[in-house]
C-alpha cells in the first residue's frame, strides 16, 4: 500500500462520523490538495446542451427536474445560499441524463466529478466470482440510492456544486445546488460506500447479521 493510500484510509477513519442518523464522510483528497477550477462556465455550457436535448421531449425534461427536486426534498442536496456565491474554493459539476428503457427509472442523472481512485488498485473480481459459486443459491440486491445514503461533510460540499433551472420555462434563471451526500458519478463513491459499510460492520461486531455479511463482502483494504 502506497503512502497516499495509507493517508486516504487514515483520513477516512479519522473523519467518518454519525450525524442525525447517518454516516458523514469526506472526499478522499490527495496528500497535496490541488486547487480545483471553479468550472462554472463549462457547467453552464454543458447545461445548455443538456436542456436542448431534454427539450426534444418534455417528458424527460420534467423527469430530470423531478429527480433534482426529489434529491433536494430528501436532503441529499441543498441550495447554495446567496452569500455563498462569493466563495472562491468551489467547483461545479456538469451533469447529464442517461436515458434508460425502464418504467421505474427512465433517467439516471450522472455528475461528471473529477475525483479519482488510484489506477493501480488491485482487482478482486476473481475472488468474487469464486465466492459466488461456493453456495447452491446466490442472491443479489440493490440498495436504493446507495451512494446518497452516505452523507458528505460540510467542508467538501462546495466542491460538488451544480446548477439547474429554477423554472423550466426560463433558461436564464438558474439555481445553484450542492450535494450533502456522496454522489453518483464520482470515481471515489464506490470506495466511500464500501468503507462506510465496513466501518458500520466493525462498529457492531457481535451482531449475527454482521458476522454473516462480513463473510460475503470482499474488501479492498
Protein backbone atom coordinates (compact mmCIF):
# COMPACT_ATOMS: atom_id res chain seq x y z
CA UNK A 1 0.00 0.00 0.00
CA UNK A 2 1.42 3.39 -1.00
CA UNK A 3 1.86 6.29 1.40
CA UNK A 4 -1.00 8.09 -0.37
CA UNK A 5 -3.32 5.08 0.06
CA UNK A 6 -2.42 4.94 3.75
CA UNK A 7 -3.07 8.66 4.11
CA UNK A 8 -6.51 8.39 2.46
CA UNK A 9 -7.54 5.45 4.65
CA UNK A 10 -6.39 7.17 7.83
CA UNK A 11 -8.21 10.35 6.85
CA UNK A 12 -11.37 8.32 6.27
CA UNK A 13 -11.14 6.56 9.65
CA UNK A 14 -10.47 9.82 11.49
CA UNK A 15 -13.21 11.81 9.80
CA UNK A 16 -16.21 9.48 9.47
CA UNK A 17 -18.92 10.26 12.00
CA UNK A 18 -22.63 9.86 12.59
CA UNK A 19 -24.83 12.93 12.08
CA UNK A 20 -28.61 12.82 12.53
CA UNK A 21 -28.81 9.07 11.97
CA UNK A 22 -26.46 8.66 9.02
CA UNK A 23 -22.74 8.49 8.44
CA UNK A 24 -20.92 11.50 7.03
CA UNK A 25 -17.61 11.16 5.20
CA UNK A 26 -15.17 13.48 3.45
CA UNK A 27 -13.82 13.24 -0.08
CA UNK A 28 -10.50 11.36 -0.42
CA UNK A 29 -8.14 14.20 -1.27
CA UNK A 30 -4.55 13.71 -2.39
CA UNK A 31 -1.67 14.30 0.02
CA UNK A 32 -1.05 17.63 -1.71
CA UNK A 33 -4.51 19.04 -2.28
CA UNK A 34 -4.71 20.80 -5.62
CA UNK A 35 -6.93 23.81 -6.21
CA UNK A 36 -9.82 22.74 -8.43
CA UNK A 37 -11.07 25.14 -11.11
CA UNK A 38 -14.44 26.77 -10.47
CA UNK A 39 -15.76 25.12 -13.64
CA UNK A 40 -18.89 27.31 -13.68
CA UNK A 41 -18.56 28.42 -17.32
CA UNK A 42 -18.17 24.83 -18.51
CA UNK A 43 -21.13 23.72 -16.38
CA UNK A 44 -23.33 26.40 -17.90
CA UNK A 45 -22.29 25.40 -21.41
CA UNK A 46 -22.99 21.73 -20.71
CA UNK A 47 -26.29 22.63 -19.06
CA UNK A 48 -27.45 24.47 -22.18
CA UNK A 49 -26.62 21.40 -24.25
CA UNK A 50 -28.44 19.10 -21.79
CA UNK A 51 -31.54 21.30 -21.74
CA UNK A 52 -31.59 21.42 -25.56
CA UNK A 53 -31.52 17.61 -25.73
CA UNK A 54 -34.13 17.19 -23.00
CA UNK A 55 -36.47 19.70 -24.60
CA UNK A 56 -36.80 17.43 -27.59
CA UNK A 57 -39.23 15.61 -25.35
CA UNK A 58 -40.96 17.44 -22.49
CA UNK A 59 -41.33 14.14 -20.66
CA UNK A 60 -37.61 13.74 -19.97
CA UNK A 61 -37.06 17.40 -19.13
CA UNK A 62 -39.77 17.16 -16.46
CA UNK A 63 -38.40 13.86 -15.11
CA UNK A 64 -34.90 15.35 -14.87
CA UNK A 65 -36.37 18.28 -12.95
CA UNK A 66 -38.38 15.97 -10.68
CA UNK A 67 -35.25 13.97 -9.76
CA UNK A 68 -33.37 17.12 -8.76
CA UNK A 69 -36.34 18.31 -6.70
CA UNK A 70 -36.68 14.88 -5.06
CA UNK A 71 -32.99 14.86 -4.08
CA UNK A 72 -33.49 18.31 -2.55
CA UNK A 73 -36.61 17.24 -0.62
CA UNK A 74 -34.78 14.17 0.75
CA UNK A 75 -31.86 16.38 1.89
CA UNK A 76 -29.41 14.64 -0.44
CA UNK A 77 -28.68 18.12 -1.81
CA UNK A 78 -29.18 21.69 -0.63
CA UNK A 79 -29.48 25.08 -2.29
CA UNK A 80 -26.48 27.39 -2.23
CA UNK A 81 -27.20 30.47 -0.12
CA UNK A 82 -26.78 33.88 -1.75
CA UNK A 83 -23.79 34.79 0.42
CA UNK A 84 -22.05 31.53 -0.51
CA UNK A 85 -21.97 32.52 -4.18
CA UNK A 86 -18.99 34.72 -3.34
CA UNK A 87 -16.82 31.85 -2.11
CA UNK A 88 -13.77 31.06 -4.25
CA UNK A 89 -12.94 27.48 -3.19
CA UNK A 90 -15.81 25.90 -5.12
CA UNK A 91 -16.21 23.52 -8.03
CA UNK A 92 -19.25 22.98 -10.25
CA UNK A 93 -20.07 19.59 -11.74
CA UNK A 94 -21.59 19.29 -15.22
CA UNK A 95 -24.42 16.77 -15.26
CA UNK A 96 -26.34 14.90 -17.92
CA UNK A 97 -29.12 12.30 -18.09
CA UNK A 98 -28.65 8.69 -19.04
CA UNK A 99 -31.97 7.63 -20.56
CA UNK A 100 -32.90 4.01 -19.93
CA UNK A 101 -35.67 1.75 -21.17
CA UNK A 102 -37.28 1.50 -17.74
CA UNK A 103 -40.69 2.38 -16.38
CA UNK A 104 -39.40 2.92 -12.84
CA UNK A 105 -36.13 4.77 -13.55
CA UNK A 106 -36.26 6.18 -17.09
CA UNK A 107 -33.46 8.65 -16.31
CA UNK A 108 -30.33 8.47 -14.19
CA UNK A 109 -28.55 11.78 -13.67
CA UNK A 110 -24.77 11.42 -13.87
CA UNK A 111 -22.49 14.10 -12.42
CA UNK A 112 -19.12 14.43 -14.10
CA UNK A 113 -16.95 14.65 -10.99
CA UNK A 114 -13.15 14.95 -11.02
CA UNK A 115 -12.36 12.75 -8.02
CA UNK A 116 -10.15 9.79 -8.97
CA UNK A 117 -9.17 6.50 -7.43
CA UNK A 118 -5.69 5.01 -7.63
CA UNK A 119 -5.40 3.35 -11.08
CA UNK A 120 -3.02 0.78 -9.61
CA UNK A 121 -5.60 -0.52 -7.12
CA UNK A 122 -5.81 -4.34 -7.34
CA UNK A 123 -8.86 -6.12 -8.71
CA UNK A 124 -10.78 -8.68 -6.63
CA UNK A 125 -13.07 -9.94 -9.40
CA UNK A 126 -11.59 -13.46 -9.32
CA UNK A 127 -12.28 -13.83 -5.59
CA UNK A 128 -15.81 -12.52 -6.06
CA UNK A 129 -16.57 -14.97 -8.86
CA UNK A 130 -15.28 -17.88 -6.79
CA UNK A 131 -17.34 -16.90 -3.76
CA UNK A 132 -20.40 -16.57 -5.99
CA UNK A 133 -20.08 -20.26 -6.91
CA UNK A 134 -19.47 -21.73 -3.42
CA UNK A 135 -23.10 -21.99 -2.26
CA UNK A 136 -26.14 -23.53 -4.01
CA UNK A 137 -28.01 -20.20 -4.14
CA UNK A 138 -26.90 -16.65 -4.83
CA UNK A 139 -28.83 -13.50 -4.02
CA UNK A 140 -28.14 -10.06 -5.42
CA UNK A 141 -29.67 -6.89 -4.01
CA UNK A 142 -29.65 -3.22 -4.81
CA UNK A 143 -29.54 -0.60 -2.05
CA UNK A 144 -31.84 2.17 -3.25
CA UNK A 145 -29.85 5.38 -3.80
CA UNK A 146 -26.91 3.71 -2.05
CA UNK A 147 -24.34 6.49 -2.54
CA UNK A 148 -26.81 9.16 -1.49
CA UNK A 149 -27.42 7.37 1.82
CA UNK A 150 -23.88 8.35 2.88
CA UNK A 151 -23.61 11.98 3.94
CA UNK A 152 -20.89 14.35 2.75
CA UNK A 153 -19.23 16.53 5.36
CA UNK A 154 -19.84 20.31 5.06
CA UNK A 155 -16.20 21.13 4.32
CA UNK A 156 -16.38 19.29 0.98
CA UNK A 157 -19.87 20.21 -0.20
CA UNK A 158 -18.84 23.30 -2.16
CA UNK A 159 -16.74 21.06 -4.41
CA UNK A 160 -19.91 19.25 -5.50
CA UNK A 161 -21.97 22.19 -6.71
CA UNK A 162 -24.17 22.02 -9.78
CA UNK A 163 -26.71 24.26 -11.48
CA UNK A 164 -30.23 23.68 -12.72
CA UNK A 165 -33.27 25.68 -13.80
CA UNK A 166 -35.47 27.40 -11.25
CA UNK A 167 -38.22 27.47 -13.87
CA UNK A 168 -38.38 25.05 -16.79
CA UNK A 169 -39.71 27.85 -18.97
CA UNK A 170 -36.84 30.24 -18.23
CA UNK A 171 -33.37 29.01 -19.20
CA UNK A 172 -31.67 32.12 -17.81
CA UNK A 173 -33.00 31.74 -14.26
CA UNK A 174 -30.60 29.29 -12.63
CA UNK A 175 -30.28 27.86 -9.14
CA UNK A 176 -27.04 26.54 -7.65
CA UNK A 177 -27.13 23.40 -5.51
CA UNK A 178 -24.52 21.32 -3.72
CA UNK A 179 -24.53 17.75 -2.51
CA UNK A 180 -24.98 16.83 1.12
CA UNK A 181 -24.33 13.21 0.16
CA UNK A 182 -21.88 11.10 -1.79
CA UNK A 183 -22.91 11.49 -5.43
CA UNK A 184 -23.37 9.20 -8.39
CA UNK A 185 -20.64 9.98 -10.92
CA UNK A 186 -17.62 10.42 -8.67
CA UNK A 187 -14.97 7.74 -9.11
CA UNK A 188 -14.41 7.66 -5.37
CA UNK A 189 -18.08 6.99 -4.50
CA UNK A 190 -17.86 3.15 -4.52
CA UNK A 191 -14.74 3.42 -2.34
CA UNK A 192 -16.54 5.66 0.18
CA UNK A 193 -19.65 3.48 0.23
CA UNK A 194 -17.62 0.30 0.74
CA UNK A 195 -15.53 1.74 3.58
CA UNK A 196 -18.65 3.14 5.24
CA UNK A 197 -20.25 -0.31 5.18
CA UNK A 198 -17.07 -1.84 6.55
CA UNK A 199 -16.92 0.79 9.31
CA UNK A 200 -20.54 0.04 10.22
CA UNK A 201 -19.89 -3.70 10.37
CA UNK A 202 -16.80 -3.23 12.53
CA UNK A 203 -18.79 -0.97 14.89
CA UNK A 204 -21.26 -3.81 15.61
CA UNK A 205 -19.04 -6.93 15.53
CA UNK A 206 -21.25 -9.06 17.81
CA UNK A 207 -24.31 -8.86 15.60
CA UNK A 208 -25.03 -12.24 13.93
CA UNK A 209 -26.23 -10.42 10.80
CA UNK A 210 -22.93 -8.55 10.63
CA UNK A 211 -20.94 -11.75 11.10
CA UNK A 212 -22.78 -13.31 8.16
CA UNK A 213 -22.38 -10.27 5.90
CA UNK A 214 -18.68 -9.94 6.69
CA UNK A 215 -18.12 -13.38 5.18
CA UNK A 216 -19.88 -12.38 1.96
CA UNK A 217 -18.32 -8.99 1.30
CA UNK A 218 -14.96 -8.51 -0.36
CA UNK A 219 -12.96 -5.53 0.90
CA UNK A 220 -10.15 -3.79 -0.97
CA UNK A 221 -8.38 -2.57 2.17
